[in-house]
Amino acid sequence: MRLGLKLIFSIGFIFVLSISMVQAKCSDEPRAGVNWTGCDKSNLDLTGVDLDSAILRRANFSNSNLSKARLHNADFSFATLENTNFNAAKMERVRLNNAKITSADFSFAFIDKGRLSRAVIKQAIFKESRLNKTDFYETKCDQCQFEKATMNQANFSRAQMIQTNFVEISGVAAVFNQANLENSDFTGANLKSAKFEESSLLKVKFNQAELSEASIQGAEIDGANFTGAKLSSTIWVKYKRCRNGSVGECR
């Protein structure tokens, strides 16, 4: 009987201790490596904080200010980020896989080699951000703004990027294979050696874009506008290679 009571007491003590430890994690001060898994961190001013390598999975940062924060290698997987401010944040190798991102601001942020695969993004702003080698595989991004962003060698394979603003981006060797880019705008973009193979480019604007050595083989281009686009050695829809000096039309 006494053994049974001791066992019950021990289990109860461990359970209470576990709850306390979880609560303590959410109340921890912001610091590198902090574990805020599943915590509610909404409506906070976290400007310039150091959260390098922090574990922030399933956390809620809606309406919080993380501008100029250090977020290298931080893990925001499955996090909720509505109206979150990441302006000028340093977040190389950040993980935002499967995150729900709505009206967040990533302007001027450093997100090189970040991971946003399968994230659901609506009306987010990435203006002049750095996204080199960042992974957007199967990401859904509706009416997002990437104007003047640098995304060389970024991966947008199988992404849904409808009505997205890519005006004047640098996307050298970026991959958009099998992506849905309908009604998106790449006006003035540098897309040299980029790949749009088997992608949907319906009504996409490529006006004045640099598409030399790019590939759009197998893509749907009905209604797409290539006025003034540079198409030297571009691989066209039906595997035709455009002549050097082609502009606006594959010759």
C-alpha atoms as a PDB file:
ATOM      1  CA  MET A   1       0.000   0.000   0.000  1.00  0.00           C
ATOM      2  CA  ARG A   2       2.777   2.402   1.018  1.00  0.00           C
ATOM      3  CA  LEU A   3       4.721   1.471  -2.130  1.00  0.00           C
ATOM      4  CA  GLY A   4       1.664   2.259  -4.240  1.00  0.00           C
ATOM      5  CA  LEU A   5       1.187   5.642  -2.566  1.00  0.00           C
ATOM      6  CA  LYS A   6       4.864   6.488  -3.034  1.00  0.00           C
ATOM      7  CA  LEU A   7       4.627   5.560  -6.715  1.00  0.00           C
ATOM      8  CA  ILE A   8       1.533   7.716  -7.213  1.00  0.00           C
ATOM      9  CA  PHE A   9       3.192  10.614  -5.368  1.00  0.00           C
ATOM     10  CA  SER A  10       6.348  10.272  -7.476  1.00  0.00           C
ATOM     11  CA  ILE A  11       4.401  10.232 -10.740  1.00  0.00           C
ATOM     12  CA  GLY A  12       2.377  13.245  -9.632  1.00  0.00           C
ATOM     13  CA  PHE A  13       5.514  15.133  -8.640  1.00  0.00           C
ATOM     14  CA  ILE A  14       7.160  14.412 -11.998  1.00  0.00           C
ATOM     15  CA  PHE A  15       3.998  15.531 -13.835  1.00  0.00           C
ATOM     16  CA  VAL A  16       3.837  18.826 -11.919  1.00  0.00           C
ATOM     17  CA  LEU A  17       7.568  19.334 -12.424  1.00  0.00           C
ATOM     18  CA  SER A  18       7.193  18.743 -16.159  1.00  0.00           C
ATOM     19  CA  ILE A  19       4.414  21.326 -16.383  1.00  0.00           C
ATOM     20  CA  SER A  20       6.533  23.822 -14.460  1.00  0.00           C
ATOM     21  CA  MET A  21       9.471  23.235 -16.794  1.00  0.00           C
ATOM     22  CA  VAL A  22       7.268  23.841 -19.858  1.00  0.00           C
ATOM     23  CA  GLN A  23       5.906  27.038 -18.325  1.00  0.00           C
ATOM     24  CA  ALA A  24       9.418  28.150 -17.427  1.00  0.00           C
ATOM     25  CA  LYS A  25      10.507  27.796 -21.044  1.00  0.00           C
ATOM     26  CA  CYS A  26       7.783  30.178 -22.217  1.00  0.00           C
ATOM     27  CA  SER A  27       8.690  32.686 -19.521  1.00  0.00           C
ATOM     28  CA  ASP A  28      12.408  32.541 -20.308  1.00  0.00           C
ATOM     29  CA  GLU A  29      13.977  35.803 -21.413  1.00  0.00           C
ATOM     30  CA  PRO A  30      14.928  36.066 -25.099  1.00  0.00           C
ATOM     31  CA  ARG A  31      18.414  34.688 -25.702  1.00  0.00           C
ATOM     32  CA  ALA A  32      20.324  32.598 -28.197  1.00  0.00           C
ATOM     33  CA  GLY A  33      19.154  28.979 -28.142  1.00  0.00           C
ATOM     34  CA  VAL A  34      16.024  29.632 -26.056  1.00  0.00           C
ATOM     35  CA  ASN A  35      13.268  27.011 -26.357  1.00  0.00           C
ATOM     36  CA  TRP A  36       9.876  28.660 -26.869  1.00  0.00           C
ATOM     37  CA  THR A  37       8.194  25.709 -28.551  1.00  0.00           C
ATOM     38  CA  GLY A  38       4.435  26.274 -28.716  1.00  0.00           C
ATOM     39  CA  CYS A  39       4.642  29.531 -26.742  1.00  0.00           C
ATOM     40  CA  ASP A  40       2.443  32.583 -27.262  1.00  0.00           C
ATOM     41  CA  LYS A  41       4.830  35.411 -28.075  1.00  0.00           C
ATOM     42  CA  SER A  42       2.324  37.675 -29.804  1.00  0.00           C
ATOM     43  CA  ASN A  43       2.178  41.474 -29.430  1.00  0.00           C
ATOM     44  CA  LEU A  44       5.764  41.740 -28.144  1.00  0.00           C
ATOM     45  CA  ASP A  45       8.522  44.221 -28.947  1.00  0.00           C
ATOM     46  CA  LEU A  46      11.563  42.026 -29.618  1.00  0.00           C
ATOM     47  CA  THR A  47      13.481  44.562 -31.668  1.00  0.00           C
ATOM     48  CA  GLY A  48      17.143  43.618 -32.031  1.00  0.00           C
ATOM     49  CA  VAL A  49      17.008  40.592 -29.703  1.00  0.00           C
ATOM     50  CA  ASP A  50      19.440  37.689 -30.086  1.00  0.00           C
ATOM     51  CA  LEU A  51      17.493  34.505 -30.861  1.00  0.00           C
ATOM     52  CA  ASP A  52      20.196  32.716 -32.837  1.00  0.00           C
ATOM     53  CA  SER A  53      19.501  28.945 -32.960  1.00  0.00           C
ATOM     54  CA  ALA A  54      16.311  29.446 -30.912  1.00  0.00           C
ATOM     55  CA  ILE A  55      13.652  26.705 -31.013  1.00  0.00           C
ATOM     56  CA  LEU A  56      10.411  28.495 -31.878  1.00  0.00           C
ATOM     57  CA  ARG A  57       8.373  25.687 -33.437  1.00  0.00           C
ATOM     58  CA  ARG A  58       4.569  26.157 -33.343  1.00  0.00           C
ATOM     59  CA  ALA A  59       5.025  29.466 -31.492  1.00  0.00           C
ATOM     60  CA  ASN A  60       2.736  32.437 -32.127  1.00  0.00           C
ATOM     61  CA  PHE A  61       4.544  35.683 -32.975  1.00  0.00           C
ATOM     62  CA  SER A  62       1.554  37.519 -34.444  1.00  0.00           C
ATOM     63  CA  ASN A  63       1.781  41.330 -34.231  1.00  0.00           C
ATOM     64  CA  SER A  64       5.274  41.088 -32.692  1.00  0.00           C
ATOM     65  CA  ASN A  65       8.249  43.209 -33.719  1.00  0.00           C
ATOM     66  CA  LEU A  66      11.413  41.227 -34.527  1.00  0.00           C
ATOM     67  CA  SER A  67      13.004  43.902 -36.682  1.00  0.00           C
ATOM     68  CA  LYS A  68      16.816  43.831 -36.678  1.00  0.00           C
ATOM     69  CA  ALA A  69      16.718  40.661 -34.553  1.00  0.00           C
ATOM     70  CA  ARG A  70      19.406  37.981 -34.786  1.00  0.00           C
ATOM     71  CA  LEU A  71      17.694  34.802 -35.944  1.00  0.00           C
ATOM     72  CA  HIS A  72      20.475  32.744 -37.543  1.00  0.00           C
ATOM     73  CA  ASN A  73      19.504  29.037 -37.575  1.00  0.00           C
ATOM     74  CA  ALA A  74      16.299  29.772 -35.624  1.00  0.00           C
ATOM     75  CA  ASP A  75      13.488  27.241 -36.090  1.00  0.00           C
ATOM     76  CA  PHE A  76      10.038  28.770 -36.768  1.00  0.00           C
ATOM     77  CA  SER A  77       8.599  25.577 -38.290  1.00  0.00           C
ATOM     78  CA  PHE A  78       4.777  25.479 -38.030  1.00  0.00           C
ATOM     79  CA  ALA A  79       4.816  28.914 -36.337  1.00  0.00           C
ATOM     80  CA  THR A  80       2.034  31.500 -36.740  1.00  0.00           C
ATOM     81  CA  LEU A  81       3.379  34.815 -38.047  1.00  0.00           C
ATOM     82  CA  GLU A  82       0.570  37.278 -38.714  1.00  0.00           C
ATOM     83  CA  ASN A  83       1.574  40.944 -39.068  1.00  0.00           C
ATOM     84  CA  THR A  84       5.007  40.018 -37.703  1.00  0.00           C
ATOM     85  CA  ASN A  85       7.801  42.505 -38.408  1.00  0.00           C
ATOM     86  CA  PHE A  86      11.134  40.970 -39.504  1.00  0.00           C
ATOM     87  CA  ASN A  87      12.421  44.151 -41.152  1.00  0.00           C
ATOM     88  CA  ALA A  88      16.234  44.020 -41.537  1.00  0.00           C
ATOM     89  CA  ALA A  89      16.442  40.889 -39.368  1.00  0.00           C
ATOM     90  CA  LYS A  90      19.523  38.694 -39.755  1.00  0.00           C
ATOM     91  CA  MET A  91      18.078  35.227 -40.250  1.00  0.00           C
ATOM     92  CA  GLU A  92      20.425  33.209 -42.434  1.00  0.00           C
ATOM     93  CA  ARG A  93      19.577  29.485 -42.431  1.00  0.00           C
ATOM     94  CA  VAL A  94      16.306  30.177 -40.611  1.00  0.00           C
ATOM     95  CA  ARG A  95      13.687  27.411 -40.784  1.00  0.00           C
ATOM     96  CA  LEU A  96      10.144  28.513 -41.597  1.00  0.00           C
ATOM     97  CA  ASN A  97       8.915  25.191 -42.968  1.00  0.00           C
ATOM     98  CA  ASN A  98       5.117  24.815 -42.848  1.00  0.00           C
ATOM     99  CA  ALA A  99       4.772  28.192 -41.125  1.00  0.00           C
ATOM    100  CA  LYS A 100       1.576  30.245 -41.531  1.00  0.00           C
ATOM    101  CA  ILE A 101       2.689  33.714 -42.579  1.00  0.00           C
ATOM    102  CA  THR A 102       0.163  36.499 -43.187  1.00  0.00           C
ATOM    103  CA  SER A 103       0.990  40.154 -43.929  1.00  0.00           C
ATOM    104  CA  ALA A 104       4.462  39.753 -42.385  1.00  0.00           C
ATOM    105  CA  ASP A 105       7.249  42.171 -43.325  1.00  0.00           C
ATOM    106  CA  PHE A 106      10.649  40.695 -44.275  1.00  0.00           C
ATOM    107  CA  SER A 107      11.903  43.825 -46.064  1.00  0.00           C
ATOM    108  CA  PHE A 108      15.713  44.123 -46.109  1.00  0.00           C
ATOM    109  CA  ALA A 109      16.026  40.883 -44.106  1.00  0.00           C
ATOM    110  CA  PHE A 110      18.977  38.511 -44.602  1.00  0.00           C
ATOM    111  CA  ILE A 111      17.425  35.078 -45.237  1.00  0.00           C
ATOM    112  CA  ASP A 112      20.170  33.390 -47.290  1.00  0.00           C
ATOM    113  CA  LYS A 113      19.908  29.577 -47.248  1.00  0.00           C
ATOM    114  CA  GLY A 114      16.618  29.795 -45.349  1.00  0.00           C
ATOM    115  CA  ARG A 115      13.966  27.085 -45.568  1.00  0.00           C
ATOM    116  CA  LEU A 116      10.346  28.008 -46.254  1.00  0.00           C
ATOM    117  CA  SER A 117       9.212  24.769 -47.866  1.00  0.00           C
ATOM    118  CA  ARG A 118       5.454  24.162 -47.693  1.00  0.00           C
ATOM    119  CA  ALA A 119       4.885  27.433 -45.835  1.00  0.00           C
ATOM    120  CA  VAL A 120       1.528  29.149 -46.432  1.00  0.00           C
ATOM    121  CA  ILE A 121       2.195  32.831 -47.083  1.00  0.00           C
ATOM    122  CA  LYS A 122      -0.317  35.588 -47.831  1.00  0.00           C
ATOM    123  CA  GLN A 123       0.487  39.184 -48.733  1.00  0.00           C
ATOM    124  CA  ALA A 124       3.941  39.097 -47.138  1.00  0.00           C
ATOM    125  CA  ILE A 125       6.610  41.638 -48.083  1.00  0.00           C
ATOM    126  CA  PHE A 126      10.176  40.555 -48.947  1.00  0.00           C
ATOM    127  CA  LYS A 127      11.218  43.847 -50.575  1.00  0.00           C
ATOM    128  CA  GLU A 128      14.999  44.076 -51.094  1.00  0.00           C
ATOM    129  CA  SER A 129      15.568  41.050 -48.871  1.00  0.00           C
ATOM    130  CA  ARG A 130      18.381  38.549 -49.437  1.00  0.00           C
ATOM    131  CA  LEU A 131      17.143  35.072 -50.261  1.00  0.00           C
ATOM    132  CA  ASN A 132      20.133  33.478 -51.976  1.00  0.00           C
ATOM    133  CA  LYS A 133      19.853  29.665 -52.051  1.00  0.00           C
ATOM    134  CA  THR A 134      16.646  29.862 -50.003  1.00  0.00           C
ATOM    135  CA  ASP A 135      14.207  26.956 -50.361  1.00  0.00           C
ATOM    136  CA  PHE A 136      10.545  27.695 -51.208  1.00  0.00           C
ATOM    137  CA  TYR A 137       9.728  24.134 -52.331  1.00  0.00           C
ATOM    138  CA  GLU A 138       5.920  23.670 -52.550  1.00  0.00           C
ATOM    139  CA  THR A 139       5.375  26.984 -50.770  1.00  0.00           C
ATOM    140  CA  LYS A 140       2.024  28.711 -51.272  1.00  0.00           C
ATOM    141  CA  CYS A 141       2.547  32.453 -51.601  1.00  0.00           C
ATOM    142  CA  ASP A 142      -0.460  34.589 -52.555  1.00  0.00           C
ATOM    143  CA  GLN A 143       0.088  38.218 -53.594  1.00  0.00           C
ATOM    144  CA  CYS A 144       3.549  38.417 -52.042  1.00  0.00           C
ATOM    145  CA  GLN A 145       6.014  41.234 -52.723  1.00  0.00           C
ATOM    146  CA  PHE A 146       9.631  40.378 -53.640  1.00  0.00           C
ATOM    147  CA  GLU A 147      10.495  43.623 -55.420  1.00  0.00           C
ATOM    148  CA  LYS A 148      14.265  44.114 -55.804  1.00  0.00           C
ATOM    149  CA  ALA A 149      15.027  41.059 -53.655  1.00  0.00           C
ATOM    150  CA  THR A 150      18.199  39.054 -54.297  1.00  0.00           C
ATOM    151  CA  MET A 151      17.367  35.366 -54.686  1.00  0.00           C
ATOM    152  CA  ASN A 152      20.163  33.858 -56.740  1.00  0.00           C
ATOM    153  CA  GLN A 153      19.976  30.038 -56.868  1.00  0.00           C
ATOM    154  CA  ALA A 154      16.780  30.047 -54.796  1.00  0.00           C
ATOM    155  CA  ASN A 155      14.456  27.061 -55.208  1.00  0.00           C
ATOM    156  CA  PHE A 156      10.763  27.680 -55.980  1.00  0.00           C
ATOM    157  CA  SER A 157      10.066  24.223 -57.444  1.00  0.00           C
ATOM    158  CA  ARG A 158       6.355  23.282 -57.332  1.00  0.00           C
ATOM    159  CA  ALA A 159       5.565  26.514 -55.471  1.00  0.00           C
ATOM    160  CA  GLN A 160       2.230  28.307 -55.863  1.00  0.00           C
ATOM    161  CA  MET A 161       3.226  31.949 -56.436  1.00  0.00           C
ATOM    162  CA  ILE A 162       0.104  33.483 -57.988  1.00  0.00           C
ATOM    163  CA  GLN A 163       0.073  37.275 -58.519  1.00  0.00           C
ATOM    164  CA  THR A 164       3.518  37.672 -57.000  1.00  0.00           C
ATOM    165  CA  ASN A 165       5.633  40.800 -57.471  1.00  0.00           C
ATOM    166  CA  PHE A 166       9.136  39.824 -58.630  1.00  0.00           C
ATOM    167  CA  VAL A 167       9.887  43.219 -60.220  1.00  0.00           C
ATOM    168  CA  GLU A 168      13.628  43.875 -60.605  1.00  0.00           C
ATOM    169  CA  ILE A 169      14.694  40.869 -58.554  1.00  0.00           C
ATOM    170  CA  SER A 170      18.040  39.180 -59.029  1.00  0.00           C
ATOM    171  CA  GLY A 171      17.211  35.525 -59.556  1.00  0.00           C
ATOM    172  CA  VAL A 172      20.287  34.237 -61.361  1.00  0.00           C
ATOM    173  CA  ALA A 173      20.100  30.432 -61.686  1.00  0.00           C
ATOM    174  CA  ALA A 174      16.932  30.351 -59.580  1.00  0.00           C
ATOM    175  CA  VAL A 175      14.686  27.308 -60.080  1.00  0.00           C
ATOM    176  CA  PHE A 176      10.926  27.692 -60.674  1.00  0.00           C
ATOM    177  CA  ASN A 177      10.302  24.258 -62.204  1.00  0.00           C
ATOM    178  CA  GLN A 178       6.652  23.089 -62.111  1.00  0.00           C
ATOM    179  CA  ALA A 179       5.692  26.251 -60.223  1.00  0.00           C
ATOM    180  CA  ASN A 180       2.423  28.124 -60.690  1.00  0.00           C
ATOM    181  CA  LEU A 181       3.343  31.747 -61.389  1.00  0.00           C
ATOM    182  CA  GLU A 182       0.143  32.935 -63.052  1.00  0.00           C
ATOM    183  CA  ASN A 183      -0.260  36.721 -63.272  1.00  0.00           C
ATOM    184  CA  SER A 184       3.116  37.315 -61.598  1.00  0.00           C
ATOM    185  CA  ASP A 185       5.373  40.205 -62.596  1.00  0.00           C
ATOM    186  CA  PHE A 186       9.091  39.732 -63.393  1.00  0.00           C
ATOM    187  CA  THR A 187       9.519  43.111 -65.101  1.00  0.00           C
ATOM    188  CA  GLY A 188      13.193  44.111 -65.216  1.00  0.00           C
ATOM    189  CA  ALA A 189      14.286  40.972 -63.346  1.00  0.00           C
ATOM    190  CA  ASN A 190      17.689  39.341 -63.811  1.00  0.00           C
ATOM    191  CA  LEU A 191      16.817  35.696 -64.452  1.00  0.00           C
ATOM    192  CA  LYS A 192      19.917  34.593 -66.304  1.00  0.00           C
ATOM    193  CA  SER A 193      20.195  30.775 -66.314  1.00  0.00           C
ATOM    194  CA  ALA A 194      16.950  30.474 -64.310  1.00  0.00           C
ATOM    195  CA  LYS A 195      14.717  27.449 -64.894  1.00  0.00           C
ATOM    196  CA  PHE A 196      10.945  27.627 -65.435  1.00  0.00           C
ATOM    197  CA  GLU A 197      10.550  24.120 -66.846  1.00  0.00           C
ATOM    198  CA  GLU A 198       6.968  22.777 -66.949  1.00  0.00           C
ATOM    199  CA  SER A 199       5.775  25.792 -64.972  1.00  0.00           C
ATOM    200  CA  SER A 200       2.577  27.804 -65.456  1.00  0.00           C
ATOM    201  CA  LEU A 201       3.511  31.230 -66.799  1.00  0.00           C
ATOM    202  CA  LEU A 202       0.026  32.295 -67.876  1.00  0.00           C
ATOM    203  CA  LYS A 203      -0.183  36.089 -68.183  1.00  0.00           C
ATOM    204  CA  VAL A 204       3.227  36.516 -66.536  1.00  0.00           C
ATOM    205  CA  LYS A 205       5.117  39.740 -67.303  1.00  0.00           C
ATOM    206  CA  PHE A 206       8.764  39.331 -68.321  1.00  0.00           C
ATOM    207  CA  ASN A 207       9.080  42.834 -69.782  1.00  0.00           C
ATOM    208  CA  GLN A 208      12.737  43.950 -70.027  1.00  0.00           C
ATOM    209  CA  ALA A 209      13.821  40.855 -68.064  1.00  0.00           C
ATOM    210  CA  GLU A 210      17.198  39.152 -68.523  1.00  0.00           C
ATOM    211  CA  LEU A 211      16.386  35.571 -69.527  1.00  0.00           C
ATOM    212  CA  SER A 212      19.582  34.666 -71.361  1.00  0.00           C
ATOM    213  CA  GLU A 213      20.483  30.977 -70.960  1.00  0.00           C
ATOM    214  CA  ALA A 214      17.258  30.424 -68.998  1.00  0.00           C
ATOM    215  CA  SER A 215      14.917  27.498 -69.713  1.00  0.00           C
ATOM    216  CA  ILE A 216      11.135  27.587 -70.104  1.00  0.00           C
ATOM    217  CA  GLN A 217      10.836  24.237 -71.847  1.00  0.00           C
ATOM    218  CA  GLY A 218       7.466  22.586 -71.330  1.00  0.00           C
ATOM    219  CA  ALA A 219       6.022  25.718 -69.704  1.00  0.00           C
ATOM    220  CA  GLU A 220       2.589  27.241 -70.395  1.00  0.00           C
ATOM    221  CA  ILE A 221       3.103  30.794 -71.648  1.00  0.00           C
ATOM    222  CA  ASP A 222      -0.329  31.847 -72.957  1.00  0.00           C
ATOM    223  CA  GLY A 223      -0.737  35.576 -72.403  1.00  0.00           C
ATOM    224  CA  ALA A 224       2.833  35.984 -71.112  1.00  0.00           C
ATOM    225  CA  ASN A 225       4.595  39.213 -72.104  1.00  0.00           C
ATOM    226  CA  PHE A 226       8.256  39.077 -73.161  1.00  0.00           C
ATOM    227  CA  THR A 227       8.507  42.628 -74.536  1.00  0.00           C
ATOM    228  CA  GLY A 228      12.133  43.735 -74.406  1.00  0.00           C
ATOM    229  CA  ALA A 229      13.241  40.528 -72.664  1.00  0.00           C
ATOM    230  CA  LYS A 230      16.744  39.292 -73.482  1.00  0.00           C
ATOM    231  CA  LEU A 231      16.518  35.726 -74.771  1.00  0.00           C
ATOM    232  CA  SER A 232      20.036  34.829 -75.916  1.00  0.00           C
ATOM    233  CA  SER A 233      20.492  31.025 -75.783  1.00  0.00           C
ATOM    234  CA  THR A 234      17.210  30.678 -73.887  1.00  0.00           C
ATOM    235  CA  ILE A 235      15.639  27.228 -74.187  1.00  0.00           C
ATOM    236  CA  TRP A 236      12.082  27.885 -75.389  1.00  0.00           C
ATOM    237  CA  VAL A 237       8.857  26.020 -74.717  1.00  0.00           C
ATOM    238  CA  LYS A 238       9.349  23.278 -77.304  1.00  0.00           C
ATOM    239  CA  TYR A 239      13.048  22.738 -76.622  1.00  0.00           C
ATOM    240  CA  LYS A 240      14.105  25.316 -79.214  1.00  0.00           C
ATOM    241  CA  ARG A 241      17.207  27.304 -78.299  1.00  0.00           C
ATOM    242  CA  CYS A 242      16.844  31.011 -79.057  1.00  0.00           C
ATOM    243  CA  ARG A 243      19.547  32.669 -81.126  1.00  0.00           C
ATOM    244  CA  ASN A 244      22.100  34.937 -79.506  1.00  0.00           C
ATOM    245  CA  GLY A 245      20.835  38.510 -79.521  1.00  0.00           C
ATOM    246  CA  SER A 246      17.141  37.543 -79.425  1.00  0.00           C
ATOM    247  CA  VAL A 247      15.079  40.249 -77.722  1.00  0.00           C
ATOM    248  CA  GLY A 248      11.340  40.052 -77.040  1.00  0.00           C
ATOM    249  CA  GLU A 249      10.958  37.036 -79.307  1.00  0.00           C
ATOM    250  CA  CYS A 250      12.734  33.700 -79.565  1.00  0.00           C
ATOM    251  CA  ARG A 251      14.388  33.631 -82.981  1.00  0.00           C
END
